[in-house]
C-alpha atoms as a PDB file:
ATOM      1  CA  UNK A   1     138.633 146.571 103.916  1.00  0.00           C
ATOM      2  CA  UNK A   2     138.792 142.974 105.123  1.00  0.00           C
ATOM      3  CA  UNK A   3     135.408 143.423 106.784  1.00  0.00           C
ATOM      4  CA  UNK A   4     133.975 144.765 103.530  1.00  0.00           C
ATOM      5  CA  UNK A   5     135.340 141.765 101.632  1.00  0.00           C
ATOM      6  CA  UNK A   6     133.792 139.345 104.151  1.00  0.00           C
ATOM      7  CA  UNK A   7     130.395 140.982 103.836  1.00  0.00           C
ATOM      8  CA  UNK A   8     130.687 140.941 100.050  1.00  0.00           C
ATOM      9  CA  UNK A   9     131.501 137.210  99.933  1.00  0.00           C
ATOM     10  CA  UNK A  10     128.578 136.450 102.223  1.00  0.00           C
ATOM     11  CA  UNK A  11     126.303 138.589 100.110  1.00  0.00           C
ATOM     12  CA  UNK A  12     127.456 136.836  96.932  1.00  0.00           C
ATOM     13  CA  UNK A  13     126.806 133.438  98.554  1.00  0.00           C
ATOM     14  CA  UNK A  14     123.293 134.465  99.546  1.00  0.00           C
ATOM     15  CA  UNK A  15     122.684 135.829  96.063  1.00  0.00           C
ATOM     16  CA  UNK A  16     123.807 132.568  94.437  1.00  0.00           C
ATOM     17  CA  UNK A  17     121.624 130.524  96.820  1.00  0.00           C
ATOM     18  CA  UNK A  18     118.591 132.698  96.198  1.00  0.00           C
ATOM     19  CA  UNK A  19     119.246 132.507  92.459  1.00  0.00           C
ATOM     20  CA  UNK A  20     119.276 128.699  92.602  1.00  0.00           C
ATOM     21  CA  UNK A  21     116.021 128.690  94.560  1.00  0.00           C
ATOM     22  CA  UNK A  22     114.481 131.159  92.128  1.00  0.00           C
ATOM     23  CA  UNK A  23     115.174 128.662  89.346  1.00  0.00           C
ATOM     24  CA  UNK A  24     113.267 126.005  91.243  1.00  0.00           C
ATOM     25  CA  UNK A  25     114.192 122.582  92.605  1.00  0.00           C
ATOM     26  CA  UNK A  26     113.014 118.980  92.455  1.00  0.00           C
ATOM     27  CA  UNK A  27     111.803 117.116  95.553  1.00  0.00           C
ATOM     28  CA  UNK A  28     112.936 113.702  94.390  1.00  0.00           C
ATOM     29  CA  UNK A  29     115.699 111.363  95.497  1.00  0.00           C
ATOM     30  CA  UNK A  30     118.659 110.169  93.471  1.00  0.00           C
ATOM     31  CA  UNK A  31     119.487 106.637  94.671  1.00  0.00           C
ATOM     32  CA  UNK A  32     123.150 105.658  94.416  1.00  0.00           C
ATOM     33  CA  UNK A  33     124.572 102.136  94.927  1.00  0.00           C
ATOM     34  CA  UNK A  34     125.974 101.681  98.422  1.00  0.00           C
ATOM     35  CA  UNK A  35     124.148 104.633  99.904  1.00  0.00           C
ATOM     36  CA  UNK A  36     122.305 103.823 103.112  1.00  0.00           C
ATOM     37  CA  UNK A  37     119.883 105.688 105.361  1.00  0.00           C
ATOM     38  CA  UNK A  38     118.402 104.802 108.736  1.00  0.00           C
ATOM     39  CA  UNK A  39     114.918 106.058 109.557  1.00  0.00           C
ATOM     40  CA  UNK A  40     112.673 105.856 112.580  1.00  0.00           C
ATOM     41  CA  UNK A  41     109.034 105.124 111.832  1.00  0.00           C
ATOM     42  CA  UNK A  42     106.348 105.904 114.398  1.00  0.00           C
ATOM     43  CA  UNK A  43     102.702 105.107 113.691  1.00  0.00           C
ATOM     44  CA  UNK A  44      99.453 105.086 115.645  1.00  0.00           C
ATOM     45  CA  UNK A  45      95.914 104.235 114.594  1.00  0.00           C
ATOM     46  CA  UNK A  46      92.899 104.643 116.894  1.00  0.00           C
ATOM     47  CA  UNK A  47      89.332 103.621 116.024  1.00  0.00           C
ATOM     48  CA  UNK A  48      86.354 104.524 118.213  1.00  0.00           C
ATOM     49  CA  UNK A  49      83.032 103.049 117.145  1.00  0.00           C
ATOM     50  CA  UNK A  50      79.473 102.670 118.334  1.00  0.00           C
ATOM     51  CA  UNK A  51      76.790 100.425 116.902  1.00  0.00           C
ATOM     52  CA  UNK A  52      73.216 101.400 117.717  1.00  0.00           C
ATOM     53  CA  UNK A  53      72.601 101.254 121.451  1.00  0.00           C
ATOM     54  CA  UNK A  54      75.589  99.016 122.126  1.00  0.00           C
ATOM     55  CA  UNK A  55      78.451 100.070 124.357  1.00  0.00           C
ATOM     56  CA  UNK A  56      81.125 102.147 122.527  1.00  0.00           C
ATOM     57  CA  UNK A  57      84.293 100.281 121.563  1.00  0.00           C
ATOM     58  CA  UNK A  58      87.817 101.561 121.040  1.00  0.00           C
ATOM     59  CA  UNK A  59      90.920  99.968 119.545  1.00  0.00           C
ATOM     60  CA  UNK A  60      94.501 101.152 119.097  1.00  0.00           C
ATOM     61  CA  UNK A  61      97.573  99.954 117.207  1.00  0.00           C
ATOM     62  CA  UNK A  62     100.909 101.616 117.970  1.00  0.00           C
ATOM     63  CA  UNK A  63     104.209 100.842 116.268  1.00  0.00           C
ATOM     64  CA  UNK A  64     107.758 102.207 116.428  1.00  0.00           C
ATOM     65  CA  UNK A  65     110.717 100.837 114.463  1.00  0.00           C
ATOM     66  CA  UNK A  66     114.147 101.793 113.160  1.00  0.00           C
ATOM     67  CA  UNK A  67     114.865 100.596 109.627  1.00  0.00           C
ATOM     68  CA  UNK A  68     118.022 100.780 107.509  1.00  0.00           C
ATOM     69  CA  UNK A  69     117.726 101.083 103.726  1.00  0.00           C
ATOM     70  CA  UNK A  70     120.760 100.304 101.551  1.00  0.00           C
ATOM     71  CA  UNK A  71     120.671 100.900  97.791  1.00  0.00           C
ATOM     72  CA  UNK A  72     122.072  97.834  96.013  1.00  0.00           C
ATOM     73  CA  UNK A  73     121.692  98.786  92.341  1.00  0.00           C
ATOM     74  CA  UNK A  74     120.438 101.564  90.082  1.00  0.00           C
ATOM     75  CA  UNK A  75     119.255 101.176  86.469  1.00  0.00           C
ATOM     76  CA  UNK A  76     119.639 103.633  83.579  1.00  0.00           C
ATOM     77  CA  UNK A  77     115.968 104.681  83.852  1.00  0.00           C
ATOM     78  CA  UNK A  78     116.444 105.734  87.484  1.00  0.00           C
ATOM     79  CA  UNK A  79     114.764 102.694  89.053  1.00  0.00           C
ATOM     80  CA  UNK A  80     116.633 101.013  91.891  1.00  0.00           C
ATOM     81  CA  UNK A  81     116.811  98.011  94.174  1.00  0.00           C
ATOM     82  CA  UNK A  82     117.428  98.199  97.913  1.00  0.00           C
ATOM     83  CA  UNK A  83     117.697  96.019 101.003  1.00  0.00           C
ATOM     84  CA  UNK A  84     115.741  96.905 104.132  1.00  0.00           C
ATOM     85  CA  UNK A  85     116.880  95.725 107.556  1.00  0.00           C
ATOM     86  CA  UNK A  86     114.476  96.198 110.465  1.00  0.00           C
ATOM     87  CA  UNK A  87     116.793  96.971 113.363  1.00  0.00           C
ATOM     88  CA  UNK A  88     114.205  97.019 116.124  1.00  0.00           C
ATOM     89  CA  UNK A  89     110.445  97.010 116.468  1.00  0.00           C
ATOM     90  CA  UNK A  90     107.687  97.423 119.019  1.00  0.00           C
ATOM     91  CA  UNK A  91     104.023  96.793 118.199  1.00  0.00           C
ATOM     92  CA  UNK A  92     101.322  97.396 120.818  1.00  0.00           C
ATOM     93  CA  UNK A  93      97.887  96.236 119.645  1.00  0.00           C
ATOM     94  CA  UNK A  94      95.540  95.309 122.529  1.00  0.00           C
ATOM     95  CA  UNK A  95      92.737  92.952 121.519  1.00  0.00           C
ATOM     96  CA  UNK A  96      89.438  92.347 123.335  1.00  0.00           C
ATOM     97  CA  UNK A  97      90.708  94.118 126.427  1.00  0.00           C
ATOM     98  CA  UNK A  98      93.906  92.042 126.660  1.00  0.00           C
ATOM     99  CA  UNK A  99      97.493  93.022 125.902  1.00  0.00           C
ATOM    100  CA  UNK A 100      98.777  91.878 122.537  1.00  0.00           C
ATOM    101  CA  UNK A 101     101.878  92.786 120.596  1.00  0.00           C
ATOM    102  CA  UNK A 102     105.571  92.045 120.151  1.00  0.00           C
ATOM    103  CA  UNK A 103     108.979  93.643 120.557  1.00  0.00           C
ATOM    104  CA  UNK A 104     112.556  92.953 119.498  1.00  0.00           C
ATOM    105  CA  UNK A 105     115.160  93.130 120.899  1.00  0.00           C
ATOM    106  CA  UNK A 106     113.585  92.366 124.250  1.00  0.00           C
ATOM    107  CA  UNK A 107     115.094  91.431 127.578  1.00  0.00           C
ATOM    108  CA  UNK A 108     112.844  88.420 128.025  1.00  0.00           C
ATOM    109  CA  UNK A 109     111.186  86.136 125.490  1.00  0.00           C
ATOM    110  CA  UNK A 110     109.762  83.077 127.284  1.00  0.00           C
ATOM    111  CA  UNK A 111     110.650  79.717 125.790  1.00  0.00           C
ATOM    112  CA  UNK A 112     106.981  78.849 125.242  1.00  0.00           C
ATOM    113  CA  UNK A 113     105.778  82.341 124.362  1.00  0.00           C
ATOM    114  CA  UNK A 114     102.662  82.672 122.180  1.00  0.00           C
ATOM    115  CA  UNK A 115     103.502  82.873 118.472  1.00  0.00           C
ATOM    116  CA  UNK A 116     102.480  86.520 118.259  1.00  0.00           C
ATOM    117  CA  UNK A 117     105.079  87.474 120.907  1.00  0.00           C
ATOM    118  CA  UNK A 118     107.862  85.999 118.749  1.00  0.00           C
ATOM    119  CA  UNK A 119     106.967  88.021 115.641  1.00  0.00           C
ATOM    120  CA  UNK A 120     109.450  90.798 116.443  1.00  0.00           C
ATOM    121  CA  UNK A 121     112.369  88.371 116.402  1.00  0.00           C
ATOM    122  CA  UNK A 122     111.216  86.880 113.106  1.00  0.00           C
ATOM    123  CA  UNK A 123     110.655  90.302 111.525  1.00  0.00           C
ATOM    124  CA  UNK A 124     114.070  91.642 112.543  1.00  0.00           C
ATOM    125  CA  UNK A 125     115.653  88.542 111.027  1.00  0.00           C
ATOM    126  CA  UNK A 126     114.301  89.356 107.575  1.00  0.00           C
ATOM    127  CA  UNK A 127     116.224  91.084 104.784  1.00  0.00           C
ATOM    128  CA  UNK A 128     113.414  92.792 102.906  1.00  0.00           C
ATOM    129  CA  UNK A 129     113.952  93.430  99.196  1.00  0.00           C
ATOM    130  CA  UNK A 130     112.628  96.740  97.894  1.00  0.00           C
ATOM    131  CA  UNK A 131     112.010  98.029  94.397  1.00  0.00           C
ATOM    132  CA  UNK A 132     112.043 101.777  93.700  1.00  0.00           C
ATOM    133  CA  UNK A 133     110.492 102.843  90.400  1.00  0.00           C
ATOM    134  CA  UNK A 134     111.733 105.841  88.353  1.00  0.00           C
ATOM    135  CA  UNK A 135     109.104 108.038  90.018  1.00  0.00           C
ATOM    136  CA  UNK A 136     110.288 107.129  93.532  1.00  0.00           C
ATOM    137  CA  UNK A 137     107.447 104.746  94.466  1.00  0.00           C
ATOM    138  CA  UNK A 138     108.615 101.926  96.746  1.00  0.00           C
ATOM    139  CA  UNK A 139     107.306  98.359  96.665  1.00  0.00           C
ATOM    140  CA  UNK A 140     108.199  95.288  98.713  1.00  0.00           C
ATOM    141  CA  UNK A 141     109.484  92.590  96.341  1.00  0.00           C
ATOM    142  CA  UNK A 142     110.333  89.837  98.799  1.00  0.00           C
ATOM    143  CA  UNK A 143     112.119  88.755 101.936  1.00  0.00           C
ATOM    144  CA  UNK A 144     109.098  88.815 104.284  1.00  0.00           C
ATOM    145  CA  UNK A 145     107.719  85.314 103.706  1.00  0.00           C
ATOM    146  CA  UNK A 146     108.828  83.875 107.051  1.00  0.00           C
ATOM    147  CA  UNK A 147     107.311  86.804 108.939  1.00  0.00           C
ATOM    148  CA  UNK A 148     104.026  86.744 107.009  1.00  0.00           C
ATOM    149  CA  UNK A 149     103.757  82.975 107.538  1.00  0.00           C
ATOM    150  CA  UNK A 150     104.299  83.440 111.275  1.00  0.00           C
ATOM    151  CA  UNK A 151     101.599  86.137 111.401  1.00  0.00           C
ATOM    152  CA  UNK A 152      99.215  83.670 109.752  1.00  0.00           C
ATOM    153  CA  UNK A 153      99.917  81.110 112.506  1.00  0.00           C
ATOM    154  CA  UNK A 154      99.454  83.552 115.374  1.00  0.00           C
ATOM    155  CA  UNK A 155      95.672  83.020 115.718  1.00  0.00           C
ATOM    156  CA  UNK A 156      95.136  86.743 116.249  1.00  0.00           C
ATOM    157  CA  UNK A 157      93.711  89.502 113.982  1.00  0.00           C
ATOM    158  CA  UNK A 158      96.141  89.717 111.063  1.00  0.00           C
ATOM    159  CA  UNK A 159      95.799  93.448 110.381  1.00  0.00           C
ATOM    160  CA  UNK A 160      96.513  94.347 113.989  1.00  0.00           C
ATOM    161  CA  UNK A 161      99.636  92.195 114.160  1.00  0.00           C
ATOM    162  CA  UNK A 162     100.982  93.436 110.828  1.00  0.00           C
ATOM    163  CA  UNK A 163     100.599  97.096 111.843  1.00  0.00           C
ATOM    164  CA  UNK A 164     102.743  98.988 109.276  1.00  0.00           C
ATOM    165  CA  UNK A 165     104.478  95.837 108.022  1.00  0.00           C
ATOM    166  CA  UNK A 166     101.812  94.685 105.586  1.00  0.00           C
ATOM    167  CA  UNK A 167     103.946  94.802 102.381  1.00  0.00           C
ATOM    168  CA  UNK A 168     101.830  97.304 100.392  1.00  0.00           C
ATOM    169  CA  UNK A 169     101.428  99.538 103.438  1.00  0.00           C
ATOM    170  CA  UNK A 170     105.162  99.457 104.165  1.00  0.00           C
ATOM    171  CA  UNK A 171     106.017 100.384 100.580  1.00  0.00           C
ATOM    172  CA  UNK A 172     103.612 103.332 100.651  1.00  0.00           C
ATOM    173  CA  UNK A 173     105.030 104.510 103.971  1.00  0.00           C
ATOM    174  CA  UNK A 174     108.613 104.474 102.625  1.00  0.00           C
ATOM    175  CA  UNK A 175     107.827 106.155  99.290  1.00  0.00           C
ATOM    176  CA  UNK A 176     108.134 109.778 100.561  1.00  0.00           C
ATOM    177  CA  UNK A 177     111.827 109.072 101.273  1.00  0.00           C
ATOM    178  CA  UNK A 178     112.483 109.012  97.531  1.00  0.00           C
ATOM    179  CA  UNK A 179     109.699 111.278  96.266  1.00  0.00           C
ATOM    180  CA  UNK A 180     108.208 113.966  98.491  1.00  0.00           C
ATOM    181  CA  UNK A 181     104.580 112.832  98.544  1.00  0.00           C
ATOM    182  CA  UNK A 182     104.133 112.558  94.802  1.00  0.00           C
ATOM    183  CA  UNK A 183     106.104 115.669  93.852  1.00  0.00           C
ATOM    184  CA  UNK A 184     107.956 113.630  91.221  1.00  0.00           C
ATOM    185  CA  UNK A 185     110.084 115.351  88.567  1.00  0.00           C
ATOM    186  CA  UNK A 186     108.120 118.596  88.676  1.00  0.00           C
ATOM    187  CA  UNK A 187     110.095 121.762  89.375  1.00  0.00           C
ATOM    188  CA  UNK A 188     109.011 123.337  92.657  1.00  0.00           C
ATOM    189  CA  UNK A 189     109.415 126.718  94.312  1.00  0.00           C
ATOM    190  CA  UNK A 190     107.951 128.453  97.358  1.00  0.00           C
ATOM    191  CA  UNK A 191     104.228 128.784  96.741  1.00  0.00           C
ATOM    192  CA  UNK A 192     104.302 126.361  93.807  1.00  0.00           C
ATOM    193  CA  UNK A 193     102.564 123.071  94.481  1.00  0.00           C
ATOM    194  CA  UNK A 194     101.055 119.883  93.138  1.00  0.00           C
ATOM    195  CA  UNK A 195      98.103 117.593  93.770  1.00  0.00           C
ATOM    196  CA  UNK A 196      97.718 113.886  94.557  1.00  0.00           C
ATOM    197  CA  UNK A 197      94.670 111.617  94.727  1.00  0.00           C
ATOM    198  CA  UNK A 198      94.269 108.365  96.668  1.00  0.00           C
ATOM    199  CA  UNK A 199      91.206 106.124  96.510  1.00  0.00           C
ATOM    200  CA  UNK A 200      90.389 103.784  99.396  1.00  0.00           C
ATOM    201  CA  UNK A 201      87.934 101.076  98.444  1.00  0.00           C
ATOM    202  CA  UNK A 202      85.098 100.036 100.747  1.00  0.00           C
ATOM    203  CA  UNK A 203      83.545  97.705  98.181  1.00  0.00           C
ATOM    204  CA  UNK A 204      80.747  97.010  97.608  1.00  0.00           C
ATOM    205  CA  UNK A 205      79.473 100.040  99.548  1.00  0.00           C
ATOM    206  CA  UNK A 206      81.546 102.874  98.118  1.00  0.00           C
ATOM    207  CA  UNK A 207      85.047 104.317  97.990  1.00  0.00           C
ATOM    208  CA  UNK A 208      86.658 107.233  99.788  1.00  0.00           C
ATOM    209  CA  UNK A 209      88.701 109.577  97.615  1.00  0.00           C
ATOM    210  CA  UNK A 210      91.367 111.710  99.296  1.00  0.00           C
ATOM    211  CA  UNK A 211      92.670 114.612  97.219  1.00  0.00           C
ATOM    212  CA  UNK A 212      95.618 116.453  98.759  1.00  0.00           C
ATOM    213  CA  UNK A 213      96.849 119.858  97.660  1.00  0.00           C
ATOM    214  CA  UNK A 214     100.567 120.272  98.371  1.00  0.00           C
ATOM    215  CA  UNK A 215     102.712 123.395  98.446  1.00  0.00           C
ATOM    216  CA  UNK A 216     106.267 124.389  99.324  1.00  0.00           C
ATOM    217  CA  UNK A 217     106.026 126.751 102.285  1.00  0.00           C
ATOM    218  CA  UNK A 218     109.688 127.616 102.922  1.00  0.00           C
ATOM    219  CA  UNK A 219     113.023 126.897 101.251  1.00  0.00           C
ATOM    220  CA  UNK A 220     116.695 127.817 101.445  1.00  0.00           C
ATOM    221  CA  UNK A 221     119.819 126.310  99.899  1.00  0.00           C
ATOM    222  CA  UNK A 222     119.680 123.341 102.293  1.00  0.00           C
ATOM    223  CA  UNK A 223     116.050 122.322 102.812  1.00  0.00           C
ATOM    224  CA  UNK A 224     112.536 122.779 101.523  1.00  0.00           C
ATOM    225  CA  UNK A 225     109.541 122.537 103.831  1.00  0.00           C
ATOM    226  CA  UNK A 226     106.287 121.412 102.260  1.00  0.00           C
ATOM    227  CA  UNK A 227     102.763 120.738 103.496  1.00  0.00           C
ATOM    228  CA  UNK A 228      99.577 119.106 102.285  1.00  0.00           C
ATOM    229  CA  UNK A 229      95.918 119.512 103.212  1.00  0.00           C
ATOM    230  CA  UNK A 230      93.357 116.843 102.217  1.00  0.00           C
ATOM    231  CA  UNK A 231      89.858 117.087 100.802  1.00  0.00           C
ATOM    232  CA  UNK A 232      87.789 113.924 101.256  1.00  0.00           C
ATOM    233  CA  UNK A 233      84.797 112.727  99.252  1.00  0.00           C
ATOM    234  CA  UNK A 234      82.690 109.564  99.282  1.00  0.00           C
ATOM    235  CA  UNK A 235      82.335 107.993  95.831  1.00  0.00           C
ATOM    236  CA  UNK A 236      79.168 105.943  95.648  1.00  0.00           C
ATOM    237  CA  UNK A 237      78.445 103.078  93.239  1.00  0.00           C
ATOM    238  CA  UNK A 238      76.599 104.094  90.107  1.00  0.00           C
ATOM    239  CA  UNK A 239      73.646 101.911  91.158  1.00  0.00           C
ATOM    240  CA  UNK A 240      72.408 101.297  94.686  1.00  0.00           C
ATOM    241  CA  UNK A 241      72.144  97.630  95.694  1.00  0.00           C
ATOM    242  CA  UNK A 242      69.722  96.009  98.132  1.00  0.00           C
ATOM    243  CA  UNK A 243      71.346  94.671 101.251  1.00  0.00           C
ATOM    244  CA  UNK A 244      74.391  96.941 100.916  1.00  0.00           C
ATOM    245  CA  UNK A 245      75.103  99.499 103.628  1.00  0.00           C
ATOM    246  CA  UNK A 246      75.183 103.226 102.941  1.00  0.00           C
ATOM    247  CA  UNK A 247      78.293 105.215 103.861  1.00  0.00           C
ATOM    248  CA  UNK A 248      78.081 108.829 104.987  1.00  0.00           C
ATOM    249  CA  UNK A 249      81.096 111.050 105.598  1.00  0.00           C
ATOM    250  CA  UNK A 250      81.043 113.247 108.694  1.00  0.00           C
ATOM    251  CA  UNK A 251      83.734 115.678 109.811  1.00  0.00           C
ATOM    252  CA  UNK A 252      87.385 115.207 108.915  1.00  0.00           C
ATOM    253  CA  UNK A 253      90.685 116.950 109.481  1.00  0.00           C
ATOM    254  CA  UNK A 254      94.247 116.261 108.432  1.00  0.00           C
ATOM    255  CA  UNK A 255      97.625 117.675 107.548  1.00  0.00           C
ATOM    256  CA  UNK A 256     101.020 116.432 106.399  1.00  0.00           C
ATOM    257  CA  UNK A 257     104.288 118.336 106.681  1.00  0.00           C
ATOM    258  CA  UNK A 258     107.694 117.370 105.361  1.00  0.00           C
ATOM    259  CA  UNK A 259     111.279 118.603 105.334  1.00  0.00           C
ATOM    260  CA  UNK A 260     113.257 117.691 102.208  1.00  0.00           C
ATOM    261  CA  UNK A 261     117.071 117.775 102.122  1.00  0.00           C
ATOM    262  CA  UNK A 262     117.941 119.606  98.881  1.00  0.00           C
ATOM    263  CA  UNK A 263     121.669 118.850  99.125  1.00  0.00           C
ATOM    264  CA  UNK A 264     121.446 115.107  99.791  1.00  0.00           C
ATOM    265  CA  UNK A 265     118.137 114.628  97.971  1.00  0.00           C
ATOM    266  CA  UNK A 266     116.251 112.658 100.583  1.00  0.00           C
ATOM    267  CA  UNK A 267     113.525 113.142 103.166  1.00  0.00           C
ATOM    268  CA  UNK A 268     114.610 114.449 106.556  1.00  0.00           C
ATOM    269  CA  UNK A 269     111.279 114.290 108.327  1.00  0.00           C
ATOM    270  CA  UNK A 270     107.590 113.821 107.626  1.00  0.00           C
ATOM    271  CA  UNK A 271     104.651 114.153 110.037  1.00  0.00           C
ATOM    272  CA  UNK A 272     101.122 113.217 109.031  1.00  0.00           C
ATOM    273  CA  UNK A 273      97.765 113.105 110.787  1.00  0.00           C
ATOM    274  CA  UNK A 274      94.235 112.374 109.624  1.00  0.00           C
ATOM    275  CA  UNK A 275      90.925 112.039 111.477  1.00  0.00           C
ATOM    276  CA  UNK A 276      87.728 110.872 109.730  1.00  0.00           C
ATOM    277  CA  UNK A 277      84.201 110.369 111.048  1.00  0.00           C
ATOM    278  CA  UNK A 278      81.968 107.984 109.101  1.00  0.00           C
ATOM    279  CA  UNK A 279      78.457 106.619 109.559  1.00  0.00           C
ATOM    280  CA  UNK A 280      77.366 103.272 108.119  1.00  0.00           C
ATOM    281  CA  UNK A 281      73.642 102.502 107.771  1.00  0.00           C
ATOM    282  CA  UNK A 282      71.879  99.293 106.776  1.00  0.00           C
ATOM    283  CA  UNK A 283      68.134  99.272 107.387  1.00  0.00           C
ATOM    284  CA  UNK A 284      67.627 100.201 111.047  1.00  0.00           C
ATOM    285  CA  UNK A 285      71.231  99.422 111.986  1.00  0.00           C
ATOM    286  CA  UNK A 286      73.880 102.133 112.258  1.00  0.00           C
ATOM    287  CA  UNK A 287      77.606 102.121 112.991  1.00  0.00           C
ATOM    288  CA  UNK A 288      79.489 105.334 113.711  1.00  0.00           C
ATOM    289  CA  UNK A 289      83.282 105.312 113.475  1.00  0.00           C
ATOM    290  CA  UNK A 290      85.908 107.887 114.362  1.00  0.00           C
ATOM    291  CA  UNK A 291      89.277 106.885 112.908  1.00  0.00           C
ATOM    292  CA  UNK A 292      92.513 108.711 113.668  1.00  0.00           C
ATOM    293  CA  UNK A 293      95.933 108.079 112.124  1.00  0.00           C
ATOM    294  CA  UNK A 294      99.231 109.715 112.985  1.00  0.00           C
ATOM    295  CA  UNK A 295     102.712 108.879 111.692  1.00  0.00           C
ATOM    296  CA  UNK A 296     106.234 110.241 111.714  1.00  0.00           C
ATOM    297  CA  UNK A 297     109.178 109.327 109.474  1.00  0.00           C
ATOM    298  CA  UNK A 298     112.524 110.853 110.447  1.00  0.00           C
ATOM    299  CA  UNK A 299     116.091 110.220 109.367  1.00  0.00           C
ATOM    300  CA  UNK A 300     118.533 109.148 112.093  1.00  0.00           C
ATOM    301  CA  UNK A 301     121.754 108.717 110.106  1.00  0.00           C
ATOM    302  CA  UNK A 302     123.040 108.310 106.577  1.00  0.00           C
ATOM    303  CA  UNK A 303     126.158 106.922 104.931  1.00  0.00           C
END
């Protein structure tokens, strides 16, 4: 009889869980003052390009960092403020065949090190202020001035040194923590999805529009696993202009997967990859680029 009772309780629990899932769920965070989460961010960008008969060139920017987010306040409309502490960082961004990058903490930082080698120490000394809107979108509101000023003095390519820490890029990278890739307040269930659109400007030539179709692939009472597949299109100006290059889209491939914690209402892990081939033409000149991005965002601990 005891065995029968145990089976019955387990069956009732499964029934309740499946009933909750059948009613749907929301893939959106609920920030609470004092709550903190530590994430590891890993990012890599590789660009291979060839111009005409010139020798092919390749560049790579790799970054790994642990960051701690602490919610400091929440408003009635669901928006919130948070502090971001960058606990450690490593950026590897070779330039013109020479090593370039920074790391902190590091065992050795020479007294007269080039400015760019000191950027990790400056960055990890910042307390970055974040804003989180009611929809879960994250923006950097301040706290990075000293770091950005130091990047400007480094006499090296700004974009390569910033890696993921350009403020707009950092905000976009952190947004899935509070809203699973644009899922928002919509009720989701297995097989029920949503769509997002992102436009990347290449003015004055054209713009690239990335439309991603998302769906929940698996779910139980603890987690929901979702995935997105992109469709990419080149949007051309309404009128062609003399002296402006033409942009042609070649092959592309990408996918993003995420695991959302339904109990704690935050992102557990997100992996994303995208590869795009483009061809730029101006008169007799051509430039072919193969760009590849890969990133991972995973929670390490929470309080």
